[in-house]
N, C-alpha and C. Protein backbone atom coordinates (compact mmCIF):
# COMPACT_ATOMS: atom_id res chain seq x y z
N UNK A 1 91.71 7.09 66.95
CA UNK A 1 90.37 6.63 67.24
C UNK A 1 90.07 5.31 66.56
N UNK A 2 89.03 4.69 67.00
CA UNK A 2 88.69 3.38 66.46
C UNK A 2 87.94 3.45 65.14
N UNK A 3 87.39 4.58 64.80
CA UNK A 3 86.55 4.70 63.61
C UNK A 3 87.28 5.37 62.45
N UNK A 4 88.54 5.61 62.50
CA UNK A 4 89.25 6.37 61.47
C UNK A 4 89.29 5.63 60.14
N UNK A 5 89.46 4.39 60.08
CA UNK A 5 89.57 3.69 58.83
C UNK A 5 88.24 3.22 58.26
N UNK A 6 87.14 3.50 58.92
CA UNK A 6 85.83 2.98 58.52
C UNK A 6 85.08 3.91 57.58
N UNK A 7 85.50 5.09 57.36
CA UNK A 7 84.83 6.01 56.45
C UNK A 7 83.66 6.73 57.06
N UNK A 8 83.56 6.82 58.36
CA UNK A 8 82.47 7.53 59.01
C UNK A 8 82.80 9.01 59.03
N UNK A 9 81.78 9.81 58.91
CA UNK A 9 81.97 11.24 59.01
C UNK A 9 81.35 11.70 60.31
N UNK A 10 82.11 12.32 61.11
CA UNK A 10 81.60 12.82 62.37
C UNK A 10 81.05 14.21 62.16
N UNK A 11 79.85 14.41 62.66
CA UNK A 11 79.22 15.72 62.51
C UNK A 11 79.52 16.55 63.75
N UNK A 12 79.81 17.76 63.49
CA UNK A 12 80.01 18.67 64.61
C UNK A 12 79.08 19.85 64.43
N UNK A 13 79.20 20.79 65.27
CA UNK A 13 78.25 21.90 65.28
C UNK A 13 78.55 22.97 64.24
N UNK A 14 79.61 22.87 63.52
CA UNK A 14 79.89 23.91 62.52
C UNK A 14 79.14 23.61 61.22
N UNK A 15 79.26 24.40 60.20
CA UNK A 15 78.53 24.27 58.93
C UNK A 15 79.18 23.30 57.96
N UNK A 16 80.12 22.51 58.40
CA UNK A 16 80.81 21.60 57.47
C UNK A 16 79.87 20.53 56.92
N UNK A 17 78.86 20.10 57.68
CA UNK A 17 77.93 19.07 57.19
C UNK A 17 76.97 19.65 56.16
N UNK A 18 76.62 20.90 56.26
CA UNK A 18 75.71 21.53 55.32
C UNK A 18 76.37 21.61 53.94
N UNK A 19 77.64 21.83 53.91
CA UNK A 19 78.35 21.95 52.65
C UNK A 19 78.52 20.60 51.98
N UNK A 20 78.46 19.53 52.69
CA UNK A 20 78.70 18.20 52.12
C UNK A 20 77.40 17.51 51.71
N UNK A 21 76.25 18.16 51.71
CA UNK A 21 75.00 17.60 51.22
C UNK A 21 74.22 16.79 52.23
N UNK A 22 74.49 16.91 53.50
CA UNK A 22 73.73 16.19 54.52
C UNK A 22 72.46 16.99 54.80
N UNK A 23 71.27 16.36 54.68
CA UNK A 23 70.03 17.11 54.91
C UNK A 23 69.93 17.61 56.34
N UNK A 24 69.35 18.75 56.46
CA UNK A 24 69.17 19.39 57.76
C UNK A 24 67.70 19.29 58.17
N UNK A 25 67.41 19.50 59.42
CA UNK A 25 66.04 19.55 59.91
C UNK A 25 65.36 20.77 59.31
N UNK A 26 64.10 20.61 58.90
CA UNK A 26 63.40 21.79 58.40
C UNK A 26 63.15 22.77 59.54
N UNK A 27 63.18 24.00 59.20
CA UNK A 27 62.95 25.05 60.18
C UNK A 27 61.46 25.37 60.17
N UNK A 28 60.71 24.88 61.14
CA UNK A 28 59.28 25.15 61.23
C UNK A 28 59.07 26.50 61.88
N UNK A 29 58.21 27.28 61.23
CA UNK A 29 57.98 28.60 61.79
C UNK A 29 57.10 28.52 63.05
N UNK A 30 56.17 27.51 63.08
CA UNK A 30 55.32 27.34 64.25
C UNK A 30 55.56 25.95 64.81
N UNK A 31 55.62 25.84 66.09
CA UNK A 31 55.79 24.51 66.68
C UNK A 31 54.48 23.72 66.60
N UNK A 32 54.59 22.40 66.53
CA UNK A 32 53.43 21.53 66.50
C UNK A 32 52.91 21.38 67.92
N UNK A 33 51.71 21.90 68.13
CA UNK A 33 51.14 21.89 69.47
C UNK A 33 50.00 20.87 69.55
N UNK A 34 49.54 20.60 70.74
CA UNK A 34 48.42 19.69 70.94
C UNK A 34 47.16 20.19 70.26
N UNK A 35 46.98 21.49 70.27
CA UNK A 35 45.79 22.09 69.66
C UNK A 35 45.78 21.86 68.15
N UNK A 36 46.93 22.04 67.48
CA UNK A 36 46.97 21.83 66.03
C UNK A 36 46.81 20.35 65.68
N UNK A 37 47.31 19.45 66.53
CA UNK A 37 47.12 18.01 66.29
C UNK A 37 45.65 17.66 66.39
N UNK A 38 44.95 18.19 67.38
CA UNK A 38 43.51 17.93 67.53
C UNK A 38 42.75 18.48 66.33
N UNK A 39 43.11 19.67 65.85
CA UNK A 39 42.45 20.25 64.68
C UNK A 39 42.70 19.41 63.43
N UNK A 40 43.92 18.93 63.24
CA UNK A 40 44.23 18.08 62.09
C UNK A 40 43.47 16.76 62.16
N UNK A 41 43.41 16.15 63.33
CA UNK A 41 42.65 14.92 63.49
C UNK A 41 41.15 15.15 63.23
N UNK A 42 40.63 16.23 63.73
CA UNK A 42 39.23 16.57 63.50
C UNK A 42 38.93 16.76 62.02
N UNK A 43 39.81 17.46 61.32
CA UNK A 43 39.64 17.67 59.88
C UNK A 43 39.70 16.34 59.14
N UNK A 44 40.62 15.47 59.53
CA UNK A 44 40.72 14.14 58.91
C UNK A 44 39.42 13.37 59.06
N UNK A 45 38.86 13.34 60.28
CA UNK A 45 37.64 12.57 60.50
C UNK A 45 36.43 13.20 59.82
N UNK A 46 36.38 14.51 59.71
CA UNK A 46 35.29 15.15 58.98
C UNK A 46 35.32 14.75 57.51
N UNK A 47 36.50 14.77 56.91
CA UNK A 47 36.63 14.36 55.51
C UNK A 47 36.27 12.88 55.36
N UNK A 48 36.74 12.04 56.27
CA UNK A 48 36.47 10.60 56.19
C UNK A 48 34.96 10.32 56.32
N UNK A 49 34.30 10.93 57.30
CA UNK A 49 32.86 10.70 57.47
C UNK A 49 32.07 11.27 56.29
N UNK A 50 32.51 12.39 55.75
CA UNK A 50 31.84 12.95 54.58
C UNK A 50 31.93 12.02 53.38
N UNK A 51 33.12 11.47 53.13
CA UNK A 51 33.29 10.54 52.01
C UNK A 51 32.48 9.27 52.23
N UNK A 52 32.49 8.73 53.45
CA UNK A 52 31.70 7.53 53.74
C UNK A 52 30.21 7.81 53.57
N UNK A 53 29.75 8.96 54.01
CA UNK A 53 28.35 9.32 53.85
C UNK A 53 27.96 9.40 52.39
N UNK A 54 28.81 10.00 51.56
CA UNK A 54 28.52 10.09 50.12
C UNK A 54 28.48 8.70 49.49
N UNK A 55 29.39 7.82 49.86
CA UNK A 55 29.40 6.47 49.32
C UNK A 55 28.19 5.65 49.78
N UNK A 56 27.79 5.81 51.03
CA UNK A 56 26.60 5.10 51.52
C UNK A 56 25.36 5.59 50.80
N UNK A 57 25.23 6.90 50.61
CA UNK A 57 24.08 7.45 49.88
C UNK A 57 24.04 6.90 48.46
N UNK A 58 25.19 6.88 47.78
CA UNK A 58 25.24 6.38 46.40
C UNK A 58 24.88 4.90 46.36
N UNK A 59 25.31 4.13 47.33
CA UNK A 59 25.01 2.70 47.35
C UNK A 59 23.53 2.44 47.59
N UNK A 60 22.90 3.20 48.45
CA UNK A 60 21.49 2.97 48.77
C UNK A 60 20.55 3.53 47.73
N UNK A 61 20.97 4.51 46.95
CA UNK A 61 20.07 5.13 46.00
C UNK A 61 20.23 4.59 44.59
N UNK A 62 21.08 3.59 44.38
CA UNK A 62 21.26 3.02 43.05
C UNK A 62 20.84 1.56 43.04
N UNK A 63 21.36 0.81 42.12
CA UNK A 63 21.01 -0.59 41.92
C UNK A 63 21.06 -1.37 43.23
N UNK A 64 19.98 -2.11 43.50
CA UNK A 64 19.90 -2.86 44.75
C UNK A 64 20.54 -4.24 44.64
N UNK A 65 20.91 -4.64 43.44
CA UNK A 65 21.63 -5.89 43.30
C UNK A 65 20.76 -7.03 42.83
N UNK A 66 19.94 -7.55 43.69
CA UNK A 66 19.17 -8.75 43.37
C UNK A 66 17.97 -8.40 42.52
N UNK A 67 17.85 -9.06 41.37
CA UNK A 67 16.76 -8.78 40.46
C UNK A 67 15.58 -9.73 40.68
N UNK A 68 15.85 -10.93 41.12
CA UNK A 68 14.82 -11.93 41.34
C UNK A 68 14.49 -12.05 42.81
N UNK A 69 13.22 -12.36 43.10
CA UNK A 69 12.84 -12.56 44.49
C UNK A 69 13.48 -13.82 45.06
N UNK A 70 13.52 -14.89 44.26
CA UNK A 70 14.11 -16.13 44.72
C UNK A 70 14.97 -16.72 43.60
N UNK A 71 16.24 -16.37 43.55
CA UNK A 71 17.11 -16.86 42.48
C UNK A 71 17.22 -18.39 42.43
N UNK A 72 17.14 -19.06 43.56
CA UNK A 72 17.25 -20.52 43.57
C UNK A 72 16.11 -21.15 42.79
N UNK A 73 14.86 -20.71 43.06
CA UNK A 73 13.73 -21.27 42.33
C UNK A 73 13.83 -20.97 40.84
N UNK A 74 14.32 -19.79 40.49
CA UNK A 74 14.49 -19.45 39.08
C UNK A 74 15.50 -20.38 38.42
N UNK A 75 16.56 -20.72 39.13
CA UNK A 75 17.56 -21.63 38.54
C UNK A 75 16.99 -23.04 38.39
N UNK A 76 16.13 -23.45 39.29
CA UNK A 76 15.54 -24.79 39.21
C UNK A 76 14.53 -24.89 38.07
N UNK A 77 13.92 -23.77 37.69
CA UNK A 77 12.93 -23.75 36.60
C UNK A 77 13.58 -23.55 35.24
N UNK A 78 14.89 -23.50 35.19
CA UNK A 78 15.61 -23.21 33.95
C UNK A 78 15.32 -24.26 32.87
N UNK A 79 15.34 -25.53 33.22
CA UNK A 79 15.07 -26.59 32.24
C UNK A 79 13.65 -26.49 31.69
N UNK A 80 12.70 -26.07 32.53
CA UNK A 80 11.33 -25.88 32.06
C UNK A 80 11.26 -24.74 31.05
N UNK A 81 12.02 -23.70 31.28
CA UNK A 81 12.04 -22.57 30.32
C UNK A 81 12.64 -23.00 28.99
N UNK A 82 13.67 -23.84 29.04
CA UNK A 82 14.27 -24.34 27.80
C UNK A 82 13.27 -25.18 27.02
N UNK A 83 12.53 -26.05 27.71
CA UNK A 83 11.52 -26.89 27.05
C UNK A 83 10.41 -26.04 26.44
N UNK A 84 9.97 -25.00 27.17
CA UNK A 84 8.92 -24.12 26.64
C UNK A 84 9.42 -23.36 25.42
N UNK A 85 10.68 -22.95 25.43
CA UNK A 85 11.25 -22.24 24.29
C UNK A 85 11.33 -23.15 23.06
N UNK A 86 11.70 -24.41 23.26
CA UNK A 86 11.76 -25.36 22.14
C UNK A 86 10.36 -25.62 21.57
N UNK A 87 9.36 -25.72 22.45
CA UNK A 87 7.99 -25.93 21.99
C UNK A 87 7.50 -24.72 21.19
N UNK A 88 7.86 -23.52 21.64
CA UNK A 88 7.48 -22.30 20.92
C UNK A 88 8.15 -22.28 19.55
N UNK A 89 9.41 -22.65 19.48
CA UNK A 89 10.12 -22.68 18.19
C UNK A 89 9.48 -23.69 17.24
N UNK A 90 9.00 -24.81 17.78
CA UNK A 90 8.38 -25.84 16.95
C UNK A 90 7.07 -25.34 16.33
N UNK A 91 6.37 -24.45 17.02
CA UNK A 91 5.13 -23.89 16.46
C UNK A 91 5.42 -23.00 15.25
N UNK A 92 6.54 -22.30 15.28
CA UNK A 92 6.89 -21.42 14.17
C UNK A 92 6.15 -20.10 14.17
N UNK A 93 5.58 -19.72 15.30
CA UNK A 93 4.86 -18.46 15.38
C UNK A 93 5.82 -17.28 15.35
N UNK A 94 5.33 -16.18 14.84
CA UNK A 94 6.10 -14.94 14.79
C UNK A 94 5.20 -13.80 15.27
N UNK A 95 5.76 -12.88 16.00
CA UNK A 95 4.99 -11.73 16.49
C UNK A 95 5.67 -10.45 16.02
N UNK A 96 4.90 -9.60 15.39
CA UNK A 96 5.38 -8.26 15.03
C UNK A 96 4.83 -7.31 16.08
N UNK A 97 5.72 -6.73 16.89
CA UNK A 97 5.31 -5.91 18.02
C UNK A 97 5.79 -4.48 17.80
N UNK A 98 4.90 -3.54 18.09
CA UNK A 98 5.25 -2.12 18.01
C UNK A 98 4.65 -1.41 19.22
N UNK A 99 5.32 -0.36 19.66
CA UNK A 99 4.79 0.46 20.76
C UNK A 99 4.98 1.91 20.38
N UNK A 100 4.02 2.74 20.81
CA UNK A 100 4.12 4.17 20.53
C UNK A 100 3.46 4.96 21.65
N UNK A 101 3.91 6.17 21.81
CA UNK A 101 3.41 7.04 22.86
C UNK A 101 2.03 7.57 22.51
N UNK A 102 1.18 7.62 23.54
CA UNK A 102 -0.13 8.26 23.43
C UNK A 102 -0.33 9.12 24.66
N UNK A 103 -1.34 9.95 24.65
CA UNK A 103 -1.59 10.84 25.78
C UNK A 103 -1.82 10.07 27.07
N UNK A 104 -2.53 8.95 27.00
CA UNK A 104 -2.87 8.20 28.20
C UNK A 104 -1.89 7.10 28.55
N UNK A 105 -0.80 6.97 27.83
CA UNK A 105 0.16 5.91 28.13
C UNK A 105 0.92 5.48 26.89
N UNK A 106 1.19 4.19 26.81
CA UNK A 106 1.94 3.63 25.70
C UNK A 106 1.09 2.55 25.04
N UNK A 107 0.78 2.74 23.74
CA UNK A 107 -0.01 1.76 22.99
C UNK A 107 0.91 0.66 22.49
N UNK A 108 0.46 -0.58 22.69
CA UNK A 108 1.20 -1.76 22.23
C UNK A 108 0.34 -2.47 21.20
N UNK A 109 0.95 -2.78 20.05
CA UNK A 109 0.28 -3.50 18.98
C UNK A 109 1.10 -4.74 18.65
N UNK A 110 0.45 -5.90 18.68
CA UNK A 110 1.14 -7.16 18.39
C UNK A 110 0.32 -7.96 17.39
N UNK A 111 0.94 -8.34 16.29
CA UNK A 111 0.30 -9.18 15.27
C UNK A 111 0.98 -10.55 15.28
N UNK A 112 0.22 -11.59 15.56
CA UNK A 112 0.75 -12.96 15.63
C UNK A 112 0.43 -13.70 14.34
N UNK A 113 1.44 -14.36 13.79
CA UNK A 113 1.28 -15.15 12.57
C UNK A 113 1.89 -16.53 12.78
N UNK A 114 1.27 -17.51 12.14
CA UNK A 114 1.82 -18.87 12.23
C UNK A 114 2.92 -19.04 11.20
N UNK A 115 3.43 -20.27 11.05
CA UNK A 115 4.55 -20.53 10.14
C UNK A 115 4.19 -20.22 8.69
N UNK A 116 2.91 -20.33 8.34
CA UNK A 116 2.46 -20.03 6.98
C UNK A 116 2.15 -18.56 6.74
N UNK A 117 2.24 -17.71 7.77
CA UNK A 117 1.97 -16.29 7.62
C UNK A 117 0.53 -15.90 7.89
N UNK A 118 -0.29 -16.83 8.34
CA UNK A 118 -1.70 -16.57 8.63
C UNK A 118 -1.83 -15.98 10.03
N UNK A 119 -2.73 -14.97 10.17
CA UNK A 119 -2.99 -14.36 11.47
C UNK A 119 -3.63 -15.39 12.39
N UNK A 120 -3.19 -15.41 13.65
CA UNK A 120 -3.68 -16.38 14.63
C UNK A 120 -4.75 -15.72 15.49
N UNK A 121 -6.00 -16.16 15.37
CA UNK A 121 -7.07 -15.58 16.20
C UNK A 121 -7.23 -16.34 17.52
N UNK A 122 -8.02 -15.77 18.43
CA UNK A 122 -8.40 -16.44 19.66
C UNK A 122 -7.32 -16.56 20.71
N UNK A 123 -6.40 -15.65 20.73
CA UNK A 123 -5.34 -15.69 21.73
C UNK A 123 -5.66 -14.76 22.90
N UNK A 124 -5.15 -15.10 24.05
CA UNK A 124 -5.20 -14.20 25.21
C UNK A 124 -3.80 -13.61 25.32
N UNK A 125 -3.69 -12.30 25.10
CA UNK A 125 -2.37 -11.67 25.00
C UNK A 125 -2.21 -10.62 26.10
N UNK A 126 -1.07 -10.70 26.77
CA UNK A 126 -0.71 -9.71 27.80
C UNK A 126 0.63 -9.10 27.43
N UNK A 127 0.75 -7.81 27.71
CA UNK A 127 2.03 -7.11 27.53
C UNK A 127 2.44 -6.55 28.88
N UNK A 128 3.70 -6.78 29.25
CA UNK A 128 4.23 -6.25 30.51
C UNK A 128 5.45 -5.41 30.22
N UNK A 129 5.49 -4.24 30.81
CA UNK A 129 6.68 -3.39 30.78
C UNK A 129 7.40 -3.63 32.10
N UNK A 130 8.58 -4.23 32.03
CA UNK A 130 9.34 -4.58 33.22
C UNK A 130 10.53 -3.64 33.34
N UNK A 131 10.59 -2.93 34.46
CA UNK A 131 11.73 -2.04 34.71
C UNK A 131 12.90 -2.88 35.20
N UNK A 132 14.13 -2.60 34.74
CA UNK A 132 15.26 -3.45 35.11
C UNK A 132 15.62 -3.44 36.60
N UNK A 133 15.29 -2.38 37.33
CA UNK A 133 15.73 -2.28 38.72
C UNK A 133 14.60 -2.11 39.72
N UNK A 134 13.47 -1.58 39.29
CA UNK A 134 12.40 -1.23 40.21
C UNK A 134 11.13 -1.98 39.85
N UNK A 135 10.83 -3.05 40.56
CA UNK A 135 9.64 -3.85 40.24
C UNK A 135 8.35 -3.08 40.53
N UNK A 136 8.41 -2.03 41.33
CA UNK A 136 7.21 -1.22 41.59
C UNK A 136 6.80 -0.40 40.38
N UNK A 137 7.71 -0.19 39.44
CA UNK A 137 7.42 0.60 38.24
C UNK A 137 6.83 -0.27 37.12
N UNK A 138 6.82 -1.60 37.27
CA UNK A 138 6.32 -2.49 36.22
C UNK A 138 4.85 -2.20 35.93
N UNK A 139 4.48 -2.33 34.65
CA UNK A 139 3.09 -2.09 34.21
C UNK A 139 2.66 -3.24 33.32
N UNK A 140 1.35 -3.56 33.36
CA UNK A 140 0.82 -4.65 32.55
C UNK A 140 -0.47 -4.20 31.88
N UNK A 141 -0.69 -4.72 30.67
CA UNK A 141 -1.92 -4.41 29.94
C UNK A 141 -2.35 -5.66 29.17
N UNK A 142 -3.67 -5.89 29.11
CA UNK A 142 -4.22 -6.99 28.31
C UNK A 142 -4.51 -6.45 26.92
N UNK A 143 -4.04 -7.16 25.91
CA UNK A 143 -4.26 -6.75 24.53
C UNK A 143 -5.48 -7.48 23.98
N UNK A 144 -6.32 -6.75 23.26
CA UNK A 144 -7.51 -7.35 22.66
C UNK A 144 -7.44 -7.21 21.14
N UNK A 145 -8.23 -8.03 20.46
CA UNK A 145 -8.18 -8.06 19.00
C UNK A 145 -9.58 -7.90 18.42
N UNK A 146 -9.63 -7.28 17.27
CA UNK A 146 -10.89 -7.18 16.53
C UNK A 146 -10.81 -8.07 15.28
N UNK A 147 -10.04 -9.13 15.37
CA UNK A 147 -9.89 -10.05 14.24
C UNK A 147 -8.51 -9.94 13.58
N UNK A 148 -7.78 -8.90 13.90
CA UNK A 148 -6.45 -8.72 13.32
C UNK A 148 -5.40 -8.68 14.42
N UNK A 149 -4.71 -7.57 14.50
CA UNK A 149 -3.66 -7.40 15.51
C UNK A 149 -4.29 -7.21 16.89
N UNK A 150 -3.49 -7.49 17.90
CA UNK A 150 -3.91 -7.32 19.29
C UNK A 150 -3.36 -5.99 19.78
N UNK A 151 -4.24 -5.19 20.44
CA UNK A 151 -3.85 -3.85 20.87
C UNK A 151 -4.28 -3.58 22.30
N UNK A 152 -3.54 -2.68 22.95
CA UNK A 152 -3.89 -2.22 24.28
C UNK A 152 -3.02 -1.02 24.64
N UNK A 153 -3.46 -0.27 25.67
CA UNK A 153 -2.72 0.91 26.11
C UNK A 153 -2.26 0.69 27.54
N UNK A 154 -0.95 0.72 27.73
CA UNK A 154 -0.36 0.56 29.07
C UNK A 154 -0.40 1.90 29.79
N UNK A 155 -0.48 1.89 31.12
CA UNK A 155 -0.42 3.14 31.88
C UNK A 155 0.87 3.90 31.56
N UNK A 156 0.89 5.20 31.85
CA UNK A 156 2.09 6.00 31.54
C UNK A 156 3.35 5.43 32.21
N UNK A 157 4.45 5.50 31.48
CA UNK A 157 5.74 5.00 31.94
C UNK A 157 6.76 6.12 31.89
N UNK A 158 7.72 6.09 32.77
CA UNK A 158 8.78 7.10 32.71
C UNK A 158 9.83 6.67 31.68
N UNK A 159 10.59 7.63 31.21
CA UNK A 159 11.58 7.32 30.17
C UNK A 159 12.71 6.46 30.73
N UNK A 160 13.34 5.74 29.82
CA UNK A 160 14.46 4.90 30.20
C UNK A 160 14.38 3.53 29.57
N UNK A 161 15.20 2.61 30.08
CA UNK A 161 15.28 1.24 29.56
C UNK A 161 14.19 0.38 30.21
N UNK A 162 13.54 -0.44 29.39
CA UNK A 162 12.50 -1.34 29.84
C UNK A 162 12.63 -2.66 29.09
N UNK A 163 12.01 -3.70 29.63
CA UNK A 163 11.85 -4.96 28.91
C UNK A 163 10.36 -5.12 28.64
N UNK A 164 10.01 -5.23 27.36
CA UNK A 164 8.62 -5.43 26.97
C UNK A 164 8.41 -6.93 26.80
N UNK A 165 7.59 -7.51 27.67
CA UNK A 165 7.32 -8.95 27.64
C UNK A 165 5.94 -9.15 27.04
N UNK A 166 5.89 -9.90 25.94
CA UNK A 166 4.62 -10.24 25.29
C UNK A 166 4.37 -11.72 25.54
N UNK A 167 3.20 -12.03 26.10
CA UNK A 167 2.86 -13.41 26.41
C UNK A 167 1.50 -13.73 25.80
N UNK A 168 1.45 -14.79 25.00
CA UNK A 168 0.20 -15.20 24.35
C UNK A 168 -0.17 -16.61 24.80
N UNK A 169 -1.43 -16.77 25.19
CA UNK A 169 -1.92 -18.08 25.62
C UNK A 169 -3.08 -18.48 24.74
N UNK A 170 -3.25 -19.79 24.59
CA UNK A 170 -4.38 -20.32 23.82
C UNK A 170 -4.97 -21.47 24.61
N UNK A 171 -6.25 -21.37 24.93
CA UNK A 171 -6.96 -22.37 25.73
C UNK A 171 -6.28 -22.59 27.07
N UNK A 172 -5.80 -21.51 27.68
CA UNK A 172 -5.20 -21.55 29.01
C UNK A 172 -3.75 -21.98 29.06
N UNK A 173 -3.18 -22.36 27.94
CA UNK A 173 -1.77 -22.79 27.91
C UNK A 173 -0.93 -21.73 27.20
N UNK A 174 0.20 -21.37 27.82
CA UNK A 174 1.06 -20.38 27.19
C UNK A 174 1.72 -20.98 25.95
N UNK A 175 1.57 -20.27 24.84
CA UNK A 175 2.11 -20.73 23.57
C UNK A 175 3.27 -19.88 23.08
N UNK A 176 3.32 -18.62 23.52
CA UNK A 176 4.32 -17.70 22.97
C UNK A 176 4.78 -16.74 24.06
N UNK A 177 6.09 -16.52 24.12
CA UNK A 177 6.68 -15.56 25.06
C UNK A 177 7.81 -14.84 24.34
N UNK A 178 7.78 -13.52 24.42
CA UNK A 178 8.82 -12.71 23.78
C UNK A 178 9.26 -11.62 24.75
N UNK A 179 10.58 -11.47 24.91
CA UNK A 179 11.13 -10.41 25.76
C UNK A 179 11.99 -9.50 24.88
N UNK A 180 11.64 -8.22 24.85
CA UNK A 180 12.33 -7.26 23.99
C UNK A 180 12.82 -6.09 24.82
N UNK A 181 14.08 -5.73 24.67
CA UNK A 181 14.63 -4.55 25.34
C UNK A 181 14.26 -3.32 24.54
N UNK A 182 13.65 -2.34 25.21
CA UNK A 182 13.26 -1.10 24.53
C UNK A 182 13.72 0.09 25.37
N UNK A 183 13.79 1.23 24.73
CA UNK A 183 14.11 2.48 25.40
C UNK A 183 13.00 3.47 25.12
N UNK A 184 12.39 3.98 26.18
CA UNK A 184 11.33 4.98 26.03
C UNK A 184 11.94 6.37 26.19
N UNK A 185 11.56 7.25 25.28
CA UNK A 185 12.04 8.62 25.35
C UNK A 185 11.19 9.46 26.28
N UNK A 186 11.43 10.77 26.30
CA UNK A 186 10.64 11.66 27.16
C UNK A 186 9.15 11.55 26.82
N UNK A 187 8.33 11.46 27.84
CA UNK A 187 6.90 11.38 27.64
C UNK A 187 6.40 9.96 27.45
N UNK A 188 7.30 8.96 27.51
CA UNK A 188 6.86 7.56 27.45
C UNK A 188 6.86 6.95 26.07
N UNK A 189 7.42 7.56 25.05
CA UNK A 189 7.37 6.91 23.73
C UNK A 189 8.69 6.82 23.08
């Protein structure tokens, strides 16, 4: 024959190939029918649609991504924010801010002092609780003073991470801005 010197092994119908380590066809107890293929395909698509549905639900019920209404305008105002921050630093003002839970909400107390440590009277002070993801949850309160610290009670807030923004103006011009990350426990405090 022409293939004798090439090292080919010819398979025949006897068991000689099984003894030499050549894999055999698996013996399936049931034949693969059209009905079982349709059932397997159906099961595959049910699992795929279920996983996609779970991922879509998770995507829609969590972080929405964009935090600012107009990021372009915010980027254009960046230099103005830097200038306002430098002007605030030049004033040397300091604010001691505290918040605590009350039955009707969260009390905010802010004491403003100048560079010499003297209390600063006559300010218009606002406190805003800004939620990191849900702008509908944001709350604002105007703080008033009786000659000392400025105080006010914000509406009830749910527990979690917040940014407490304190803004003080004098004669209509903003003089002080402070953003503080806080965590409110159960019950808002």
